[in-house]
C-alpha atoms as a PDB file:
ATOM      1  CA  MET A   1       1.188  73.649 -22.053  1.00  0.00           C
ATOM      2  CA  LEU A   2      -1.499  72.432 -20.198  1.00  0.00           C
ATOM      3  CA  TRP A   3       0.083  73.444 -16.683  1.00  0.00           C
ATOM      4  CA  THR A   4       0.501  77.285 -17.946  1.00  0.00           C
ATOM      5  CA  ILE A   5      -3.497  77.006 -19.169  1.00  0.00           C
ATOM      6  CA  PHE A   6      -4.252  75.467 -15.453  1.00  0.00           C
ATOM      7  CA  VAL A   7      -2.527  78.010 -13.697  1.00  0.00           C
ATOM      8  CA  ILE A   8      -3.713  80.887 -15.844  1.00  0.00           C
ATOM      9  CA  LEU A   9      -7.393  79.925 -15.626  1.00  0.00           C
ATOM     10  CA  LEU A  10      -6.706  79.377 -11.548  1.00  0.00           C
ATOM     11  CA  VAL A  11      -5.464  82.898 -11.090  1.00  0.00           C
ATOM     12  CA  LEU A  12      -8.376  84.289 -13.163  1.00  0.00           C
ATOM     13  CA  TRP A  13     -10.575  82.249 -11.132  1.00  0.00           C
ATOM     14  CA  LEU A  14      -9.228  83.630  -7.894  1.00  0.00           C
ATOM     15  CA  LEU A  15      -9.033  87.049  -8.876  1.00  0.00           C
ATOM     16  CA  GLY A  16     -12.696  86.754 -10.197  1.00  0.00           C
ATOM     17  CA  PHE A  17     -13.880  85.205  -6.587  1.00  0.00           C
ATOM     18  CA  ILE A  18     -11.928  88.082  -4.782  1.00  0.00           C
ATOM     19  CA  GLY A  19     -12.268  90.778  -6.779  1.00  0.00           C
ATOM     20  CA  PHE A  20     -16.024  90.375  -9.110  1.00  0.00           C
ATOM     21  CA  HIS A  21     -18.471  88.334  -6.985  1.00  0.00           C
ATOM     22  CA  VAL A  22     -20.903  89.534  -9.254  1.00  0.00           C
ATOM     23  CA  LEU A  23     -19.668  87.042 -12.459  1.00  0.00           C
ATOM     24  CA  GLY A  24     -20.184  83.842  -9.745  1.00  0.00           C
ATOM     25  CA  ALA A  25     -21.453  81.622 -12.476  1.00  0.00           C
ATOM     26  CA  TYR A  26     -18.849  82.392 -14.988  1.00  0.00           C
ATOM     27  CA  ILE A  27     -15.929  82.224 -12.558  1.00  0.00           C
ATOM     28  CA  HIS A  28     -17.048  78.505 -11.484  1.00  0.00           C
ATOM     29  CA  ILE A  29     -17.315  77.821 -15.373  1.00  0.00           C
ATOM     30  CA  LEU A  30     -13.458  78.987 -15.524  1.00  0.00           C
ATOM     31  CA  LEU A  31     -12.726  76.602 -12.370  1.00  0.00           C
ATOM     32  CA  VAL A  32     -14.504  73.474 -14.054  1.00  0.00           C
ATOM     33  CA  ILE A  33     -12.143  74.517 -16.833  1.00  0.00           C
ATOM     34  CA  ALA A  34      -9.128  74.639 -14.868  1.00  0.00           C
ATOM     35  CA  VAL A  35      -9.665  71.338 -13.114  1.00  0.00           C
ATOM     36  CA  VAL A  36     -10.339  69.324 -16.489  1.00  0.00           C
ATOM     37  CA  VAL A  37      -7.184  70.802 -18.124  1.00  0.00           C
ATOM     38  CA  LEU A  38      -5.262  69.732 -14.977  1.00  0.00           C
ATOM     39  CA  ILE A  39      -7.142  66.238 -15.151  1.00  0.00           C
ATOM     40  CA  ILE A  40      -6.032  65.991 -18.950  1.00  0.00           C
ATOM     41  CA  ALA A  41      -2.456  66.925 -17.828  1.00  0.00           C
ATOM     42  CA  LEU A  42      -2.630  64.097 -15.344  1.00  0.00           C
ATOM     43  CA  ILE A  43      -3.671  61.896 -17.633  1.00  0.00           C
ATOM     44  CA  ASN A  44      -1.135  62.379 -20.386  1.00  0.00           C
ATOM     45  CA  GLY A  45       1.653  61.732 -17.724  1.00  0.00           C
ATOM     46  CA  GLY A  46       2.757  65.495 -17.873  1.00  0.00           C
ATOM     47  CA  ARG A  47       3.579  65.371 -22.022  1.00  0.00           C
ATOM     48  CA  SER A  48       1.294  67.841 -23.717  1.00  0.00           C
ATOM     49  CA  ARG A  49      -0.039  66.198 -27.018  1.00  0.00           C
ATOM     50  CA  ILE A  50      -1.501  69.747 -28.338  1.00  0.00           C
END
């Protein structure tokens, strides 16, 4: 589940970065959230506990 959220946030960030450069701050917040989700997934060892 965490990997799914990570991929969705990463795709949204890429789309926003390329297509909607006006919303730069929000897009970078999405990137930070995606990185946090990735770190949580790595810490859990691939097992989602949510």
